[in-house]
Amino acid sequence: MSNNITPKSNELFFEDGQFIVSKTDLKGRITYGNELFIKISGYKETELLHAPHSILRHPDMPKAVFKLLWDYVQKGDEIFAFVKNMAKDGSFYWVKAQVTPSMDDKGAIIGYHSVRRKPSRETIKAIEPLYAEMLRIEKNGSVEKSTAYLLDVLAKKGVTYAQFVFNI
């Protein structure tokens, strides 16, 4: 399923204290979305189920962020990340995503569970220049160079990615 939607400049919002929830299989295909997830995405539930979660990927998002996310969860680790998503009509919305592997009773990863909260405006203002530079690097170089740039920024700040996300 391809996302050929033109991004729009109108931002969608959800309330503090509300949670966007989705679950995916091992390949990132959506297996569940709560009512808020379906509503803010602008898609019908039938359009979302079994679609790749990347259907919501906004072109302003650096691929390196998703690579980092996948690297964490595929190892069985939880990760938090700031993500700009795109709704079906091209509108966008920001989330602070908490992505956790779902395990079976033997500890094998069977899918992923994501809870998204509303980030503060200050956080978004702080993350946008970083993401813009990472995206510029990706367009002129590679995802690997964008990832290296992010890791260099973190090293200069003396923080891990998790610390960065919580302190921004």
C-alpha atoms as a PDB file:
ATOM      1  CA  MET A   1       0.000   0.000   0.000  1.00  0.00           C
ATOM      2  CA  SER A   2       1.533   3.281  -1.112  1.00  0.00           C
ATOM      3  CA  ASN A   3       1.003   6.682   0.443  1.00  0.00           C
ATOM      4  CA  ASN A   4       0.785   9.199  -2.413  1.00  0.00           C
ATOM      5  CA  ILE A   5      -0.929  11.904  -0.401  1.00  0.00           C
ATOM      6  CA  THR A   6       0.286  15.463  -0.724  1.00  0.00           C
ATOM      7  CA  PRO A   7       1.249  16.930   2.654  1.00  0.00           C
ATOM      8  CA  LYS A   8      -0.780  19.899   3.841  1.00  0.00           C
ATOM      9  CA  SER A   9       0.192  22.623   6.261  1.00  0.00           C
ATOM     10  CA  ASN A  10      -2.773  22.156   8.591  1.00  0.00           C
ATOM     11  CA  GLU A  11      -1.953  20.535  11.906  1.00  0.00           C
ATOM     12  CA  LEU A  12      -4.297  18.219  13.763  1.00  0.00           C
ATOM     13  CA  PHE A  13      -4.363  18.139  17.544  1.00  0.00           C
ATOM     14  CA  PHE A  14      -5.560  15.812  20.239  1.00  0.00           C
ATOM     15  CA  GLU A  15      -6.024  16.542  23.917  1.00  0.00           C
ATOM     16  CA  ASP A  16      -3.485  16.221  26.712  1.00  0.00           C
ATOM     17  CA  GLY A  17      -4.215  12.966  28.500  1.00  0.00           C
ATOM     18  CA  GLN A  18      -5.529  11.231  25.383  1.00  0.00           C
ATOM     19  CA  PHE A  19      -3.637   8.265  23.976  1.00  0.00           C
ATOM     20  CA  ILE A  20      -3.311   7.047  20.415  1.00  0.00           C
ATOM     21  CA  VAL A  21      -2.815   3.285  20.499  1.00  0.00           C
ATOM     22  CA  SER A  22      -1.959   0.822  17.768  1.00  0.00           C
ATOM     23  CA  LYS A  23      -0.521  -2.649  17.451  1.00  0.00           C
ATOM     24  CA  THR A  24       1.368  -4.179  14.549  1.00  0.00           C
ATOM     25  CA  ASP A  25       2.662  -7.554  13.518  1.00  0.00           C
ATOM     26  CA  LEU A  26       6.378  -8.253  13.127  1.00  0.00           C
ATOM     27  CA  LYS A  27       6.465  -6.576   9.717  1.00  0.00           C
ATOM     28  CA  GLY A  28       4.817  -3.367  10.957  1.00  0.00           C
ATOM     29  CA  ARG A  29       1.365  -4.078   9.536  1.00  0.00           C
ATOM     30  CA  ILE A  30      -1.427  -2.638  11.669  1.00  0.00           C
ATOM     31  CA  THR A  31      -3.461  -5.221  13.587  1.00  0.00           C
ATOM     32  CA  TYR A  32      -5.261  -2.847  15.967  1.00  0.00           C
ATOM     33  CA  GLY A  33      -5.951   0.851  16.378  1.00  0.00           C
ATOM     34  CA  ASN A  34      -7.990   2.541  19.068  1.00  0.00           C
ATOM     35  CA  GLU A  35     -10.772   4.987  18.218  1.00  0.00           C
ATOM     36  CA  LEU A  36      -8.495   8.049  18.467  1.00  0.00           C
ATOM     37  CA  PHE A  37      -5.915   6.425  16.187  1.00  0.00           C
ATOM     38  CA  ILE A  38      -8.569   5.794  13.546  1.00  0.00           C
ATOM     39  CA  LYS A  39     -10.133   9.253  13.936  1.00  0.00           C
ATOM     40  CA  ILE A  40      -6.941  11.329  13.762  1.00  0.00           C
ATOM     41  CA  SER A  41      -5.501   9.260  10.908  1.00  0.00           C
ATOM     42  CA  GLY A  42      -8.533  10.036   8.741  1.00  0.00           C
ATOM     43  CA  TYR A  43      -8.618   6.467   7.500  1.00  0.00           C
ATOM     44  CA  LYS A  44     -11.413   3.973   8.001  1.00  0.00           C
ATOM     45  CA  GLU A  45     -10.549   1.064  10.262  1.00  0.00           C
ATOM     46  CA  THR A  46     -10.765  -1.281   7.266  1.00  0.00           C
ATOM     47  CA  GLU A  47      -8.175   0.846   5.427  1.00  0.00           C
ATOM     48  CA  LEU A  48      -5.780   0.732   8.372  1.00  0.00           C
ATOM     49  CA  LEU A  49      -6.001  -2.930   9.342  1.00  0.00           C
ATOM     50  CA  HIS A  50      -3.212  -4.933   7.679  1.00  0.00           C
ATOM     51  CA  ALA A  51      -1.757  -1.761   6.116  1.00  0.00           C
ATOM     52  CA  PRO A  52       1.868  -0.924   6.899  1.00  0.00           C
ATOM     53  CA  HIS A  53       2.165   1.573   9.763  1.00  0.00           C
ATOM     54  CA  SER A  54       4.286   3.620   7.363  1.00  0.00           C
ATOM     55  CA  ILE A  55       1.017   4.661   5.695  1.00  0.00           C
ATOM     56  CA  LEU A  56       1.150   7.497   8.246  1.00  0.00           C
ATOM     57  CA  ARG A  57       4.764   8.491   7.563  1.00  0.00           C
ATOM     58  CA  HIS A  58       5.141  12.182   6.898  1.00  0.00           C
ATOM     59  CA  PRO A  59       7.798  13.116   4.316  1.00  0.00           C
ATOM     60  CA  ASP A  60       9.337  15.534   6.873  1.00  0.00           C
ATOM     61  CA  MET A  61      10.397  12.569   9.021  1.00  0.00           C
ATOM     62  CA  PRO A  62      13.988  11.394   8.675  1.00  0.00           C
ATOM     63  CA  LYS A  63      14.251   7.700   7.862  1.00  0.00           C
ATOM     64  CA  ALA A  64      17.059   7.466  10.416  1.00  0.00           C
ATOM     65  CA  VAL A  65      14.538   7.947  13.246  1.00  0.00           C
ATOM     66  CA  PHE A  66      12.572   4.914  12.062  1.00  0.00           C
ATOM     67  CA  LYS A  67      15.764   2.906  11.591  1.00  0.00           C
ATOM     68  CA  LEU A  68      16.706   3.676  15.192  1.00  0.00           C
ATOM     69  CA  LEU A  69      13.203   2.764  16.340  1.00  0.00           C
ATOM     70  CA  TRP A  70      13.263  -0.571  14.512  1.00  0.00           C
ATOM     71  CA  ASP A  71      16.785  -1.348  15.748  1.00  0.00           C
ATOM     72  CA  TYR A  72      15.589  -0.934  19.344  1.00  0.00           C
ATOM     73  CA  VAL A  73      12.318  -2.853  19.196  1.00  0.00           C
ATOM     74  CA  GLN A  74      13.625  -5.726  17.116  1.00  0.00           C
ATOM     75  CA  LYS A  75      16.173  -6.351  19.889  1.00  0.00           C
ATOM     76  CA  GLY A  76      13.323  -6.445  22.397  1.00  0.00           C
ATOM     77  CA  ASP A  77      13.893  -2.937  23.780  1.00  0.00           C
ATOM     78  CA  GLU A  78      11.312  -0.233  24.327  1.00  0.00           C
ATOM     79  CA  ILE A  79      11.877   3.158  22.691  1.00  0.00           C
ATOM     80  CA  PHE A  80      10.367   6.624  22.844  1.00  0.00           C
ATOM     81  CA  ALA A  81      10.523   8.896  19.799  1.00  0.00           C
ATOM     82  CA  PHE A  82       8.966  12.075  18.493  1.00  0.00           C
ATOM     83  CA  VAL A  83       7.154  11.456  15.224  1.00  0.00           C
ATOM     84  CA  LYS A  84       5.359  13.673  12.753  1.00  0.00           C
ATOM     85  CA  ASN A  85       2.566  11.634  11.179  1.00  0.00           C
ATOM     86  CA  MET A  86       0.426  12.397   8.147  1.00  0.00           C
ATOM     87  CA  ALA A  87      -3.321  11.814   8.027  1.00  0.00           C
ATOM     88  CA  LYS A  88      -5.145  10.542   4.965  1.00  0.00           C
ATOM     89  CA  ASP A  89      -6.031  14.087   3.845  1.00  0.00           C
ATOM     90  CA  GLY A  90      -2.403  15.265   4.112  1.00  0.00           C
ATOM     91  CA  SER A  91      -2.827  17.016   7.469  1.00  0.00           C
ATOM     92  CA  PHE A  92      -0.182  16.283  10.074  1.00  0.00           C
ATOM     93  CA  TYR A  93       0.072  15.650  13.789  1.00  0.00           C
ATOM     94  CA  TRP A  94       2.972  15.230  16.195  1.00  0.00           C
ATOM     95  CA  VAL A  95       3.233  12.450  18.759  1.00  0.00           C
ATOM     96  CA  LYS A  96       5.589  11.252  21.440  1.00  0.00           C
ATOM     97  CA  ALA A  97       5.562   7.551  20.651  1.00  0.00           C
ATOM     98  CA  GLN A  98       6.350   4.788  23.105  1.00  0.00           C
ATOM     99  CA  VAL A  99       6.950   1.612  21.107  1.00  0.00           C
ATOM    100  CA  THR A 100       7.224  -1.683  22.937  1.00  0.00           C
ATOM    101  CA  PRO A 101       7.719  -5.212  21.631  1.00  0.00           C
ATOM    102  CA  SER A 102       4.841  -7.590  22.397  1.00  0.00           C
ATOM    103  CA  MET A 103       6.059 -10.965  23.621  1.00  0.00           C
ATOM    104  CA  ASP A 104       4.527 -14.396  23.820  1.00  0.00           C
ATOM    105  CA  ASP A 105       4.748 -16.498  26.985  1.00  0.00           C
ATOM    106  CA  LYS A 106       8.190 -17.777  25.913  1.00  0.00           C
ATOM    107  CA  GLY A 107       9.614 -14.275  25.453  1.00  0.00           C
ATOM    108  CA  ALA A 108       9.566 -14.284  21.654  1.00  0.00           C
ATOM    109  CA  ILE A 109       8.593 -11.029  19.966  1.00  0.00           C
ATOM    110  CA  ILE A 110       5.228 -11.440  18.238  1.00  0.00           C
ATOM    111  CA  GLY A 111       4.481  -7.821  17.333  1.00  0.00           C
ATOM    112  CA  TYR A 112       4.710  -4.251  18.531  1.00  0.00           C
ATOM    113  CA  HIS A 113       2.524  -2.006  20.653  1.00  0.00           C
ATOM    114  CA  SER A 114       2.635   1.767  20.451  1.00  0.00           C
ATOM    115  CA  VAL A 115       1.108   4.365  22.741  1.00  0.00           C
ATOM    116  CA  ARG A 116       1.359   7.938  21.560  1.00  0.00           C
ATOM    117  CA  ARG A 117       0.923  11.053  23.659  1.00  0.00           C
ATOM    118  CA  LYS A 118       0.728  14.727  22.761  1.00  0.00           C
ATOM    119  CA  PRO A 119       4.169  16.383  22.897  1.00  0.00           C
ATOM    120  CA  SER A 120       4.579  19.940  24.115  1.00  0.00           C
ATOM    121  CA  ARG A 121       4.938  22.790  21.617  1.00  0.00           C
ATOM    122  CA  GLU A 122       8.381  23.504  23.065  1.00  0.00           C
ATOM    123  CA  THR A 123       9.455  19.942  22.318  1.00  0.00           C
ATOM    124  CA  ILE A 124       8.255  20.175  18.736  1.00  0.00           C
ATOM    125  CA  LYS A 125      10.089  23.476  18.245  1.00  0.00           C
ATOM    126  CA  ALA A 126      13.253  21.859  19.601  1.00  0.00           C
ATOM    127  CA  ILE A 127      13.023  18.677  17.501  1.00  0.00           C
ATOM    128  CA  GLU A 128      12.073  20.246  14.156  1.00  0.00           C
ATOM    129  CA  PRO A 129      15.527  21.740  13.372  1.00  0.00           C
ATOM    130  CA  LEU A 130      17.236  18.445  14.233  1.00  0.00           C
ATOM    131  CA  TYR A 131      14.876  16.481  12.004  1.00  0.00           C
ATOM    132  CA  ALA A 132      15.206  19.056   9.202  1.00  0.00           C
ATOM    133  CA  GLU A 133      18.994  18.696   9.257  1.00  0.00           C
ATOM    134  CA  MET A 134      18.767  14.901   9.368  1.00  0.00           C
ATOM    135  CA  LEU A 135      16.383  14.968   6.402  1.00  0.00           C
ATOM    136  CA  ARG A 136      18.728  17.303   4.487  1.00  0.00           C
ATOM    137  CA  ILE A 137      21.590  14.869   5.139  1.00  0.00           C
ATOM    138  CA  GLU A 138      19.485  11.935   3.951  1.00  0.00           C
ATOM    139  CA  LYS A 139      18.537  13.717   0.725  1.00  0.00           C
ATOM    140  CA  ASN A 140      22.171  14.626   0.011  1.00  0.00           C
ATOM    141  CA  GLY A 141      23.846  11.577   1.526  1.00  0.00           C
ATOM    142  CA  SER A 142      22.306   8.571   3.165  1.00  0.00           C
ATOM    143  CA  VAL A 143      20.318   7.268   6.119  1.00  0.00           C
ATOM    144  CA  GLU A 144      23.609   6.068   7.604  1.00  0.00           C
ATOM    145  CA  LYS A 145      25.038   9.608   7.496  1.00  0.00           C
ATOM    146  CA  SER A 146      21.844  10.978   9.037  1.00  0.00           C
ATOM    147  CA  THR A 147      22.061   8.385  11.810  1.00  0.00           C
ATOM    148  CA  ALA A 148      25.725   9.275  12.374  1.00  0.00           C
ATOM    149  CA  TYR A 149      24.753  12.946  12.622  1.00  0.00           C
ATOM    150  CA  LEU A 150      22.096  12.146  15.241  1.00  0.00           C
ATOM    151  CA  LEU A 151      24.531  10.017  17.242  1.00  0.00           C
ATOM    152  CA  ASP A 152      27.111  12.808  17.056  1.00  0.00           C
ATOM    153  CA  VAL A 153      24.570  15.348  18.361  1.00  0.00           C
ATOM    154  CA  LEU A 154      23.740  12.987  21.230  1.00  0.00           C
ATOM    155  CA  ALA A 155      27.415  12.375  22.012  1.00  0.00           C
ATOM    156  CA  LYS A 156      28.104  16.128  22.138  1.00  0.00           C
ATOM    157  CA  LYS A 157      25.213  16.510  24.573  1.00  0.00           C
ATOM    158  CA  GLY A 158      26.504  13.541  26.579  1.00  0.00           C
ATOM    159  CA  VAL A 159      23.161  11.732  26.464  1.00  0.00           C
ATOM    160  CA  THR A 160      21.660   8.551  25.113  1.00  0.00           C
ATOM    161  CA  TYR A 161      18.738   8.757  22.715  1.00  0.00           C
ATOM    162  CA  ALA A 162      16.336   7.865  25.534  1.00  0.00           C
ATOM    163  CA  GLN A 163      17.763  10.623  27.755  1.00  0.00           C
ATOM    164  CA  PHE A 164      17.521  13.079  24.886  1.00  0.00           C
ATOM    165  CA  VAL A 165      13.846  12.271  24.276  1.00  0.00           C
ATOM    166  CA  PHE A 166      12.986  12.660  27.962  1.00  0.00           C
ATOM    167  CA  ASN A 167      14.988  15.852  28.445  1.00  0.00           C
ATOM    168  CA  ILE A 168      14.015  17.753  25.325  1.00  0.00           C
END
